[in-house]
Amino acid sequence: MRGDGPGRLQVVCGPMFAGKSEELLRRVRRAQLAGLAVEVVNHSWDERHGAGRVASHAGLSIPSRAAGDVRSFEELLEGRTPDLLAIDEAQFFGTDLVPVVEALVLAGTTVVVAGLCVTFDGRPFEPLPSLMAIAEDVTKLTAVCAVCGRDAPFHVRTVSGDVGDATVPATEHVGGTEAYEARCRLHLRG
């Protein structure tokens, strides 16, 4: 994965329940088996599976380091350039993540970014669309619609209450099956 030139940017994206974290974990395990230096970072808001862990809804998990914003994310790396850097829940880091990822890739790190590319009301969720545009590899996953079983490129919030603008990351947006369902385009609005 690491060579004399720049690294690669790989984006794994889709709605909730699509298997993004599971795919990220698969890539991390492969890199570890290959003996590469691997760093895993998750946003500090996501403590659904315990602090310091990236976990999939399927129950797979690995230790990670948590960061609350891009600045603390950069401090975690302390000037190091691992062979592979895996970032989960990237949507919570916002658009400031994009230039940091670009710099890491130019320094020779392969960066795998996983996160939501769509909000719970069906809009693009930065920074994933921007990262997708500059990535060498994009894996866009779908879930299964909770209403009809079709491929679901979206998810909806199923609990009431005002959580603000869906495009502005907030701790209130963190959740799982208790608050969200995967939906196809036909069932996105109802």
N, C-alpha and C. Protein backbone atom coordinates (compact mmCIF):
# COMPACT_ATOMS: atom_id res chain seq x y z
N MET A 1 0.81 -1.19 0.00
CA MET A 1 0.00 0.00 0.00
C MET A 1 0.86 1.26 0.00
N ARG A 2 2.01 1.18 0.63
CA ARG A 2 2.87 2.36 0.70
C ARG A 2 4.04 2.18 -0.24
N GLY A 3 4.38 3.22 -0.92
CA GLY A 3 5.50 3.14 -1.84
C GLY A 3 6.29 4.42 -1.83
N ASP A 4 6.99 4.68 -2.93
CA ASP A 4 7.81 5.88 -3.02
C ASP A 4 7.00 7.13 -3.32
N GLY A 5 5.80 6.96 -3.85
CA GLY A 5 4.99 8.11 -4.23
C GLY A 5 3.87 8.35 -3.26
N PRO A 6 2.91 9.12 -3.71
CA PRO A 6 1.77 9.41 -2.84
C PRO A 6 0.96 8.15 -2.52
N GLY A 7 0.23 8.24 -1.43
CA GLY A 7 -0.66 7.14 -1.06
C GLY A 7 -1.91 7.18 -1.91
N ARG A 8 -2.96 6.59 -1.40
CA ARG A 8 -4.24 6.57 -2.10
C ARG A 8 -5.33 6.99 -1.13
N LEU A 9 -6.36 7.58 -1.67
CA LEU A 9 -7.54 7.89 -0.89
C LEU A 9 -8.64 6.93 -1.31
N GLN A 10 -9.15 6.19 -0.34
CA GLN A 10 -10.24 5.25 -0.56
C GLN A 10 -11.41 5.70 0.31
N VAL A 11 -12.58 5.83 -0.31
CA VAL A 11 -13.77 6.26 0.42
C VAL A 11 -14.78 5.11 0.42
N VAL A 12 -15.29 4.80 1.60
CA VAL A 12 -16.37 3.82 1.77
C VAL A 12 -17.55 4.60 2.32
N CYS A 13 -18.62 4.68 1.56
CA CYS A 13 -19.73 5.53 1.97
C CYS A 13 -21.07 4.88 1.67
N GLY A 14 -22.11 5.52 2.15
CA GLY A 14 -23.47 5.05 1.96
C GLY A 14 -24.32 5.50 3.13
N PRO A 15 -25.53 4.96 3.23
CA PRO A 15 -26.42 5.32 4.33
C PRO A 15 -26.09 4.50 5.57
N MET A 16 -26.82 4.75 6.63
CA MET A 16 -26.68 3.92 7.83
C MET A 16 -27.08 2.49 7.49
N PHE A 17 -26.47 1.54 8.17
CA PHE A 17 -26.76 0.10 8.06
C PHE A 17 -26.31 -0.52 6.74
N ALA A 18 -25.40 0.15 6.02
CA ALA A 18 -24.93 -0.37 4.73
C ALA A 18 -23.68 -1.23 4.86
N GLY A 19 -23.04 -1.23 6.02
CA GLY A 19 -21.83 -2.03 6.21
C GLY A 19 -20.54 -1.25 6.00
N LYS A 20 -20.58 0.07 6.15
CA LYS A 20 -19.40 0.91 5.95
C LYS A 20 -18.29 0.57 6.95
N SER A 21 -18.64 0.53 8.22
CA SER A 21 -17.63 0.22 9.25
C SER A 21 -17.11 -1.19 9.07
N GLU A 22 -17.97 -2.11 8.69
CA GLU A 22 -17.55 -3.49 8.46
C GLU A 22 -16.51 -3.55 7.34
N GLU A 23 -16.73 -2.80 6.26
CA GLU A 23 -15.77 -2.75 5.16
C GLU A 23 -14.47 -2.08 5.60
N LEU A 24 -14.56 -1.03 6.38
CA LEU A 24 -13.38 -0.37 6.92
C LEU A 24 -12.57 -1.36 7.76
N LEU A 25 -13.25 -2.10 8.63
CA LEU A 25 -12.58 -3.09 9.48
C LEU A 25 -11.91 -4.17 8.64
N ARG A 26 -12.55 -4.59 7.57
CA ARG A 26 -11.96 -5.60 6.69
C ARG A 26 -10.65 -5.09 6.10
N ARG A 27 -10.64 -3.85 5.65
CA ARG A 27 -9.43 -3.28 5.07
C ARG A 27 -8.33 -3.10 6.11
N VAL A 28 -8.71 -2.73 7.31
CA VAL A 28 -7.73 -2.60 8.40
C VAL A 28 -7.11 -3.96 8.70
N ARG A 29 -7.92 -4.98 8.82
CA ARG A 29 -7.40 -6.32 9.15
C ARG A 29 -6.45 -6.83 8.06
N ARG A 30 -6.79 -6.58 6.80
CA ARG A 30 -5.90 -6.99 5.69
C ARG A 30 -4.55 -6.27 5.80
N ALA A 31 -4.58 -4.98 6.08
CA ALA A 31 -3.34 -4.22 6.21
C ALA A 31 -2.52 -4.72 7.39
N GLN A 32 -3.17 -5.05 8.49
CA GLN A 32 -2.46 -5.59 9.65
C GLN A 32 -1.83 -6.94 9.32
N LEU A 33 -2.56 -7.79 8.61
CA LEU A 33 -2.00 -9.08 8.19
C LEU A 33 -0.78 -8.91 7.29
N ALA A 34 -0.77 -7.84 6.51
CA ALA A 34 0.36 -7.55 5.62
C ALA A 34 1.53 -6.92 6.36
N GLY A 35 1.37 -6.67 7.66
CA GLY A 35 2.45 -6.10 8.45
C GLY A 35 2.62 -4.60 8.30
N LEU A 36 1.60 -3.92 7.83
CA LEU A 36 1.68 -2.48 7.65
C LEU A 36 1.41 -1.74 8.95
N ALA A 37 1.94 -0.54 9.06
CA ALA A 37 1.66 0.33 10.21
C ALA A 37 0.27 0.93 9.99
N VAL A 38 -0.64 0.63 10.92
CA VAL A 38 -2.04 1.02 10.76
C VAL A 38 -2.46 1.89 11.94
N GLU A 39 -3.19 2.93 11.64
CA GLU A 39 -3.78 3.80 12.66
C GLU A 39 -5.28 3.87 12.36
N VAL A 40 -6.12 3.73 13.40
CA VAL A 40 -7.57 3.79 13.25
C VAL A 40 -8.08 4.93 14.12
N VAL A 41 -8.87 5.83 13.52
CA VAL A 41 -9.40 6.99 14.23
C VAL A 41 -10.91 7.03 14.02
N ASN A 42 -11.61 7.32 15.11
CA ASN A 42 -13.06 7.47 15.09
C ASN A 42 -13.39 8.81 15.73
N HIS A 43 -14.56 9.34 15.42
CA HIS A 43 -14.96 10.59 16.05
C HIS A 43 -15.37 10.31 17.49
N SER A 44 -15.02 11.19 18.40
CA SER A 44 -15.28 10.98 19.82
C SER A 44 -16.77 10.96 20.16
N TRP A 45 -17.62 11.49 19.30
CA TRP A 45 -19.07 11.46 19.56
C TRP A 45 -19.62 10.04 19.50
N ASP A 46 -18.99 9.18 18.73
CA ASP A 46 -19.53 7.83 18.53
C ASP A 46 -19.00 6.89 19.61
N GLU A 47 -19.77 6.77 20.68
CA GLU A 47 -19.41 5.85 21.77
C GLU A 47 -20.45 4.75 21.91
N ARG A 48 -21.18 4.47 20.81
CA ARG A 48 -22.23 3.46 20.86
C ARG A 48 -21.70 2.08 21.24
N HIS A 49 -20.45 1.80 20.91
CA HIS A 49 -19.87 0.49 21.19
C HIS A 49 -18.73 0.60 22.20
N GLY A 50 -18.71 1.70 22.94
CA GLY A 50 -17.67 1.94 23.92
C GLY A 50 -16.62 2.89 23.36
N ALA A 51 -16.03 3.66 24.23
CA ALA A 51 -14.99 4.61 23.81
C ALA A 51 -13.78 3.85 23.29
N GLY A 52 -13.14 4.41 22.28
CA GLY A 52 -11.92 3.81 21.76
C GLY A 52 -12.14 2.56 20.94
N ARG A 53 -13.29 2.46 20.27
CA ARG A 53 -13.58 1.30 19.44
C ARG A 53 -14.31 1.73 18.18
N VAL A 54 -13.94 1.12 17.07
CA VAL A 54 -14.73 1.19 15.85
C VAL A 54 -15.43 -0.15 15.76
N ALA A 55 -16.74 -0.11 15.63
CA ALA A 55 -17.52 -1.35 15.60
C ALA A 55 -18.56 -1.28 14.51
N SER A 56 -18.89 -2.44 13.99
CA SER A 56 -19.95 -2.54 12.98
C SER A 56 -21.24 -2.98 13.66
N HIS A 57 -22.35 -2.75 12.98
CA HIS A 57 -23.63 -3.22 13.51
C HIS A 57 -23.67 -4.75 13.59
N ALA A 58 -22.78 -5.40 12.82
CA ALA A 58 -22.72 -6.86 12.83
C ALA A 58 -21.94 -7.41 14.02
N GLY A 59 -21.33 -6.50 14.81
CA GLY A 59 -20.65 -6.93 16.02
C GLY A 59 -19.13 -7.02 15.93
N LEU A 60 -18.54 -6.75 14.77
CA LEU A 60 -17.09 -6.73 14.64
C LEU A 60 -16.56 -5.44 15.24
N SER A 61 -15.37 -5.48 15.85
CA SER A 61 -14.81 -4.24 16.38
C SER A 61 -13.29 -4.33 16.49
N ILE A 62 -12.67 -3.14 16.53
CA ILE A 62 -11.23 -3.03 16.74
C ILE A 62 -10.98 -1.78 17.57
N PRO A 63 -9.85 -1.74 18.26
CA PRO A 63 -9.51 -0.53 19.02
C PRO A 63 -9.25 0.64 18.07
N SER A 64 -9.56 1.84 18.53
CA SER A 64 -9.31 3.04 17.75
C SER A 64 -8.92 4.16 18.70
N ARG A 65 -8.49 5.24 18.11
CA ARG A 65 -8.22 6.46 18.86
C ARG A 65 -9.33 7.43 18.51
N ALA A 66 -9.79 8.20 19.49
CA ALA A 66 -10.91 9.11 19.27
C ALA A 66 -10.42 10.55 19.16
N ALA A 67 -11.07 11.29 18.26
CA ALA A 67 -10.78 12.71 18.09
C ALA A 67 -12.10 13.46 17.98
N GLY A 68 -12.17 14.64 18.57
CA GLY A 68 -13.39 15.42 18.56
C GLY A 68 -13.48 16.43 17.44
N ASP A 69 -12.35 16.70 16.80
CA ASP A 69 -12.34 17.64 15.68
C ASP A 69 -11.07 17.39 14.87
N VAL A 70 -10.92 18.12 13.78
CA VAL A 70 -9.78 17.89 12.89
C VAL A 70 -8.46 18.24 13.59
N ARG A 71 -8.45 19.28 14.39
CA ARG A 71 -7.21 19.65 15.08
C ARG A 71 -6.75 18.52 16.01
N SER A 72 -7.66 17.97 16.82
CA SER A 72 -7.26 16.87 17.71
C SER A 72 -6.92 15.62 16.91
N PHE A 73 -7.54 15.46 15.75
CA PHE A 73 -7.22 14.36 14.84
C PHE A 73 -5.76 14.48 14.39
N GLU A 74 -5.34 15.69 14.00
CA GLU A 74 -3.96 15.90 13.58
C GLU A 74 -3.00 15.67 14.73
N GLU A 75 -3.38 16.06 15.95
CA GLU A 75 -2.53 15.86 17.12
C GLU A 75 -2.34 14.38 17.42
N LEU A 76 -3.36 13.57 17.16
CA LEU A 76 -3.24 12.12 17.38
C LEU A 76 -2.12 11.52 16.53
N LEU A 77 -1.97 12.04 15.34
CA LEU A 77 -0.96 11.49 14.44
C LEU A 77 0.44 11.98 14.77
N GLU A 78 0.58 13.11 15.47
CA GLU A 78 1.87 13.64 15.93
C GLU A 78 2.94 13.62 14.85
N GLY A 79 2.58 14.01 13.63
CA GLY A 79 3.55 14.06 12.55
C GLY A 79 3.90 12.72 11.94
N ARG A 80 3.29 11.64 12.42
CA ARG A 80 3.54 10.31 11.86
C ARG A 80 2.74 10.12 10.58
N THR A 81 3.25 9.31 9.69
CA THR A 81 2.52 8.95 8.48
C THR A 81 2.43 7.43 8.41
N PRO A 82 1.38 6.86 8.98
CA PRO A 82 1.23 5.40 8.93
C PRO A 82 1.04 4.93 7.49
N ASP A 83 1.26 3.64 7.28
CA ASP A 83 1.02 3.08 5.95
C ASP A 83 -0.46 3.19 5.59
N LEU A 84 -1.31 2.89 6.57
CA LEU A 84 -2.76 2.97 6.35
C LEU A 84 -3.39 3.70 7.52
N LEU A 85 -4.18 4.69 7.20
CA LEU A 85 -4.96 5.42 8.19
C LEU A 85 -6.43 5.18 7.88
N ALA A 86 -7.16 4.64 8.84
CA ALA A 86 -8.59 4.39 8.68
C ALA A 86 -9.36 5.39 9.53
N ILE A 87 -10.31 6.08 8.93
CA ILE A 87 -11.11 7.09 9.62
C ILE A 87 -12.57 6.68 9.52
N ASP A 88 -13.21 6.43 10.66
CA ASP A 88 -14.63 6.06 10.67
C ASP A 88 -15.45 7.27 11.13
N GLU A 89 -16.71 7.30 10.70
CA GLU A 89 -17.64 8.39 11.03
C GLU A 89 -17.07 9.74 10.59
N ALA A 90 -16.51 9.75 9.39
CA ALA A 90 -15.84 10.94 8.86
C ALA A 90 -16.77 12.14 8.72
N GLN A 91 -18.06 11.90 8.56
CA GLN A 91 -18.99 13.02 8.38
C GLN A 91 -18.97 13.97 9.58
N PHE A 92 -18.64 13.47 10.75
CA PHE A 92 -18.64 14.32 11.94
C PHE A 92 -17.43 15.26 12.01
N PHE A 93 -16.40 15.03 11.18
CA PHE A 93 -15.22 15.89 11.18
C PHE A 93 -15.40 17.15 10.33
N GLY A 94 -16.38 17.17 9.45
CA GLY A 94 -16.63 18.34 8.63
C GLY A 94 -15.63 18.53 7.51
N THR A 95 -15.79 19.63 6.78
CA THR A 95 -15.00 19.87 5.57
C THR A 95 -13.52 20.13 5.85
N ASP A 96 -13.16 20.50 7.09
CA ASP A 96 -11.74 20.71 7.41
C ASP A 96 -10.93 19.42 7.28
N LEU A 97 -11.61 18.29 7.22
CA LEU A 97 -10.91 17.00 7.08
C LEU A 97 -10.28 16.86 5.69
N VAL A 98 -10.86 17.46 4.68
CA VAL A 98 -10.42 17.25 3.30
C VAL A 98 -8.95 17.62 3.09
N PRO A 99 -8.49 18.84 3.42
CA PRO A 99 -7.07 19.15 3.18
C PRO A 99 -6.12 18.31 4.03
N VAL A 100 -6.54 17.91 5.20
CA VAL A 100 -5.69 17.07 6.06
C VAL A 100 -5.51 15.70 5.41
N VAL A 101 -6.59 15.13 4.90
CA VAL A 101 -6.51 13.84 4.21
C VAL A 101 -5.64 13.96 2.96
N GLU A 102 -5.83 15.03 2.20
CA GLU A 102 -5.01 15.23 0.99
C GLU A 102 -3.53 15.27 1.33
N ALA A 103 -3.16 15.97 2.39
CA ALA A 103 -1.76 16.06 2.80
C ALA A 103 -1.21 14.70 3.20
N LEU A 104 -2.01 13.91 3.92
CA LEU A 104 -1.57 12.57 4.32
C LEU A 104 -1.34 11.67 3.11
N VAL A 105 -2.22 11.76 2.14
CA VAL A 105 -2.08 10.95 0.92
C VAL A 105 -0.82 11.37 0.17
N LEU A 106 -0.58 12.67 0.05
CA LEU A 106 0.64 13.14 -0.62
C LEU A 106 1.90 12.71 0.12
N ALA A 107 1.80 12.53 1.45
CA ALA A 107 2.95 12.10 2.26
C ALA A 107 3.17 10.59 2.16
N GLY A 108 2.29 9.88 1.46
CA GLY A 108 2.50 8.45 1.25
C GLY A 108 1.57 7.52 1.99
N THR A 109 0.62 8.06 2.75
CA THR A 109 -0.31 7.22 3.50
C THR A 109 -1.52 6.87 2.65
N THR A 110 -1.94 5.63 2.72
CA THR A 110 -3.22 5.25 2.15
C THR A 110 -4.26 5.54 3.22
N VAL A 111 -5.23 6.37 2.87
CA VAL A 111 -6.26 6.79 3.81
C VAL A 111 -7.58 6.17 3.37
N VAL A 112 -8.19 5.42 4.29
CA VAL A 112 -9.51 4.85 4.05
C VAL A 112 -10.48 5.62 4.93
N VAL A 113 -11.43 6.29 4.30
CA VAL A 113 -12.39 7.12 5.00
C VAL A 113 -13.76 6.46 4.87
N ALA A 114 -14.44 6.25 5.98
CA ALA A 114 -15.79 5.68 5.95
C ALA A 114 -16.75 6.66 6.61
N GLY A 115 -17.92 6.80 6.01
CA GLY A 115 -18.91 7.68 6.61
C GLY A 115 -20.15 7.82 5.77
N LEU A 116 -21.08 8.59 6.30
CA LEU A 116 -22.34 8.85 5.62
C LEU A 116 -22.13 9.88 4.52
N CYS A 117 -22.59 9.57 3.32
CA CYS A 117 -22.52 10.54 2.23
C CYS A 117 -23.86 11.24 2.04
N VAL A 118 -24.85 10.84 2.84
CA VAL A 118 -26.19 11.41 2.74
C VAL A 118 -26.74 11.62 4.15
N THR A 119 -27.45 12.74 4.33
CA THR A 119 -28.05 13.04 5.63
C THR A 119 -29.34 12.23 5.81
N PHE A 120 -29.91 12.30 7.01
CA PHE A 120 -31.15 11.56 7.27
C PHE A 120 -32.35 12.16 6.57
N ASP A 121 -32.17 13.29 5.91
CA ASP A 121 -33.26 13.83 5.09
C ASP A 121 -32.90 13.84 3.60
N GLY A 122 -31.91 13.03 3.23
CA GLY A 122 -31.62 12.78 1.82
C GLY A 122 -30.74 13.79 1.11
N ARG A 123 -29.99 14.60 1.85
CA ARG A 123 -29.09 15.58 1.21
C ARG A 123 -27.64 15.12 1.30
N PRO A 124 -26.78 15.62 0.41
CA PRO A 124 -25.35 15.29 0.50
C PRO A 124 -24.79 15.72 1.86
N PHE A 125 -23.93 14.89 2.43
CA PHE A 125 -23.38 15.12 3.77
C PHE A 125 -21.87 15.28 3.65
N GLU A 126 -21.42 16.52 3.67
CA GLU A 126 -19.98 16.80 3.61
C GLU A 126 -19.29 16.31 4.88
N PRO A 127 -18.07 15.88 4.80
CA PRO A 127 -17.13 16.04 3.70
C PRO A 127 -17.09 14.87 2.72
N LEU A 128 -17.98 13.88 2.88
CA LEU A 128 -17.90 12.69 2.03
C LEU A 128 -18.03 12.99 0.55
N PRO A 129 -18.98 13.82 0.09
CA PRO A 129 -19.03 14.10 -1.35
C PRO A 129 -17.73 14.71 -1.89
N SER A 130 -17.11 15.61 -1.12
CA SER A 130 -15.84 16.20 -1.56
C SER A 130 -14.73 15.15 -1.58
N LEU A 131 -14.69 14.31 -0.57
CA LEU A 131 -13.67 13.25 -0.54
C LEU A 131 -13.89 12.25 -1.68
N MET A 132 -15.14 11.94 -1.98
CA MET A 132 -15.43 11.03 -3.09
C MET A 132 -14.90 11.60 -4.40
N ALA A 133 -15.02 12.91 -4.56
CA ALA A 133 -14.60 13.56 -5.81
C ALA A 133 -13.10 13.48 -6.04
N ILE A 134 -12.30 13.42 -4.97
CA ILE A 134 -10.84 13.41 -5.13
C ILE A 134 -10.22 12.05 -4.83
N ALA A 135 -11.03 11.04 -4.56
CA ALA A 135 -10.53 9.71 -4.20
C ALA A 135 -10.13 8.90 -5.42
N GLU A 136 -9.14 8.03 -5.22
CA GLU A 136 -8.79 7.05 -6.26
C GLU A 136 -9.83 5.94 -6.31
N ASP A 137 -10.36 5.58 -5.15
CA ASP A 137 -11.32 4.48 -5.07
C ASP A 137 -12.52 4.90 -4.24
N VAL A 138 -13.71 4.64 -4.74
CA VAL A 138 -14.94 4.92 -4.00
C VAL A 138 -15.79 3.65 -3.99
N THR A 139 -16.16 3.23 -2.80
CA THR A 139 -17.08 2.11 -2.64
C THR A 139 -18.34 2.67 -2.02
N LYS A 140 -19.41 2.73 -2.82
CA LYS A 140 -20.67 3.25 -2.31
C LYS A 140 -21.59 2.07 -2.06
N LEU A 141 -21.93 1.88 -0.79
CA LEU A 141 -22.74 0.75 -0.36
C LEU A 141 -24.19 1.16 -0.19
N THR A 142 -25.08 0.19 -0.24
CA THR A 142 -26.48 0.42 0.07
C THR A 142 -26.89 -0.52 1.19
N ALA A 143 -27.96 -0.14 1.87
CA ALA A 143 -28.54 -0.98 2.92
C ALA A 143 -29.77 -1.66 2.33
N VAL A 144 -30.62 -2.19 3.20
CA VAL A 144 -31.88 -2.82 2.79
C VAL A 144 -33.02 -1.97 3.32
N CYS A 145 -33.93 -1.56 2.44
CA CYS A 145 -35.05 -0.72 2.85
C CYS A 145 -35.88 -1.42 3.91
N ALA A 146 -36.11 -0.73 5.02
CA ALA A 146 -36.89 -1.29 6.13
C ALA A 146 -38.37 -1.45 5.78
N VAL A 147 -38.82 -0.80 4.70
CA VAL A 147 -40.23 -0.87 4.31
C VAL A 147 -40.47 -1.99 3.29
N CYS A 148 -39.63 -2.06 2.24
CA CYS A 148 -39.92 -2.99 1.14
C CYS A 148 -38.83 -3.98 0.81
N GLY A 149 -37.62 -3.82 1.36
CA GLY A 149 -36.53 -4.75 1.09
C GLY A 149 -35.69 -4.42 -0.12
N ARG A 150 -35.99 -3.34 -0.84
CA ARG A 150 -35.15 -2.93 -1.97
C ARG A 150 -33.82 -2.38 -1.46
N ASP A 151 -32.88 -2.17 -2.43
CA ASP A 151 -31.65 -1.48 -2.08
C ASP A 151 -31.99 -0.11 -1.53
N ALA A 152 -31.32 0.27 -0.46
CA ALA A 152 -31.61 1.53 0.21
C ALA A 152 -30.37 2.41 0.22
N PRO A 153 -30.33 3.45 -0.62
CA PRO A 153 -29.21 4.38 -0.59
C PRO A 153 -29.39 5.51 0.42
N PHE A 154 -30.50 5.47 1.18
CA PHE A 154 -30.83 6.53 2.13
C PHE A 154 -31.13 5.93 3.50
N HIS A 155 -31.27 6.82 4.49
CA HIS A 155 -31.76 6.45 5.81
C HIS A 155 -32.59 7.62 6.32
N VAL A 156 -33.52 7.33 7.21
CA VAL A 156 -34.38 8.37 7.78
C VAL A 156 -34.33 8.30 9.29
N ARG A 157 -34.59 9.42 9.90
CA ARG A 157 -34.69 9.48 11.36
C ARG A 157 -36.12 9.09 11.73
N THR A 158 -36.27 8.14 12.63
CA THR A 158 -37.60 7.62 12.97
C THR A 158 -38.12 8.14 14.31
N VAL A 159 -37.30 8.84 15.06
CA VAL A 159 -37.74 9.40 16.33
C VAL A 159 -38.04 10.87 16.15
N SER A 160 -39.01 11.35 16.88
CA SER A 160 -39.39 12.76 16.76
C SER A 160 -38.48 13.62 17.62
N GLY A 161 -38.57 14.89 17.38
CA GLY A 161 -37.75 15.84 18.13
C GLY A 161 -36.85 16.60 17.19
N ASP A 162 -36.61 17.83 17.50
CA ASP A 162 -35.78 18.69 16.67
C ASP A 162 -34.31 18.42 16.95
N VAL A 163 -33.58 18.01 15.92
CA VAL A 163 -32.14 17.80 16.05
C VAL A 163 -31.38 18.78 15.17
N GLY A 164 -32.06 19.79 14.68
CA GLY A 164 -31.41 20.82 13.90
C GLY A 164 -31.18 20.41 12.46
N ASP A 165 -30.34 21.17 11.79
CA ASP A 165 -30.02 20.95 10.38
C ASP A 165 -29.26 19.63 10.22
N ALA A 166 -29.76 18.77 9.37
CA ALA A 166 -29.15 17.46 9.16
C ALA A 166 -27.74 17.55 8.58
N THR A 167 -27.41 18.67 7.92
CA THR A 167 -26.08 18.80 7.32
C THR A 167 -25.04 19.32 8.29
N VAL A 168 -25.47 19.72 9.48
CA VAL A 168 -24.54 20.22 10.51
C VAL A 168 -24.37 19.12 11.55
N PRO A 169 -23.18 18.51 11.61
CA PRO A 169 -22.96 17.41 12.55
C PRO A 169 -23.24 17.83 13.99
N ALA A 170 -23.93 16.94 14.72
CA ALA A 170 -24.25 17.18 16.12
C ALA A 170 -24.32 15.84 16.84
N THR A 171 -24.04 15.86 18.13
CA THR A 171 -24.09 14.62 18.91
C THR A 171 -25.48 13.99 18.85
N GLU A 172 -26.52 14.81 18.68
CA GLU A 172 -27.89 14.29 18.60
C GLU A 172 -28.11 13.42 17.38
N HIS A 173 -27.20 13.48 16.41
CA HIS A 173 -27.33 12.68 15.19
C HIS A 173 -26.80 11.26 15.36
N VAL A 174 -26.05 11.01 16.41
CA VAL A 174 -25.48 9.69 16.63
C VAL A 174 -26.58 8.75 17.10
N GLY A 175 -26.67 7.60 16.45
CA GLY A 175 -27.69 6.64 16.85
C GLY A 175 -27.62 5.39 16.00
N GLY A 176 -28.55 4.49 16.26
CA GLY A 176 -28.62 3.23 15.52
C GLY A 176 -30.05 2.89 15.20
N THR A 177 -30.39 1.63 15.35
CA THR A 177 -31.73 1.16 14.97
C THR A 177 -32.83 1.78 15.82
N GLU A 178 -32.48 2.32 16.99
CA GLU A 178 -33.49 2.96 17.83
C GLU A 178 -33.94 4.31 17.26
N ALA A 179 -33.16 4.88 16.33
CA ALA A 179 -33.46 6.22 15.83
C ALA A 179 -33.50 6.34 14.31
N TYR A 180 -33.02 5.32 13.59
CA TYR A 180 -32.90 5.43 12.13
C TYR A 180 -33.34 4.15 11.44
N GLU A 181 -33.78 4.29 10.20
CA GLU A 181 -34.09 3.14 9.33
C GLU A 181 -33.52 3.42 7.95
N ALA A 182 -33.06 2.36 7.29
CA ALA A 182 -32.63 2.46 5.90
C ALA A 182 -33.87 2.54 5.01
N ARG A 183 -33.77 3.32 3.94
CA ARG A 183 -34.91 3.48 3.03
C ARG A 183 -34.45 3.55 1.58
N CYS A 184 -35.29 3.02 0.70
CA CYS A 184 -35.08 3.19 -0.73
C CYS A 184 -35.62 4.56 -1.13
N ARG A 185 -35.42 4.96 -2.37
CA ARG A 185 -35.89 6.26 -2.83
C ARG A 185 -37.39 6.38 -2.73
N LEU A 186 -38.11 5.31 -3.04
CA LEU A 186 -39.58 5.30 -3.00
C LEU A 186 -40.11 5.59 -1.60
N HIS A 187 -39.43 5.07 -0.57
CA HIS A 187 -39.90 5.21 0.82
C HIS A 187 -39.14 6.24 1.63
N LEU A 188 -38.32 7.06 0.97
CA LEU A 188 -37.53 8.05 1.68
C LEU A 188 -38.40 9.07 2.40
N ARG A 189 -39.46 9.49 1.78
CA ARG A 189 -40.30 10.56 2.34
C ARG A 189 -41.54 10.05 3.07
N GLY A 190 -41.68 8.75 3.20
CA GLY A 190 -42.90 8.30 3.90
C GLY A 190 -43.01 6.85 4.08
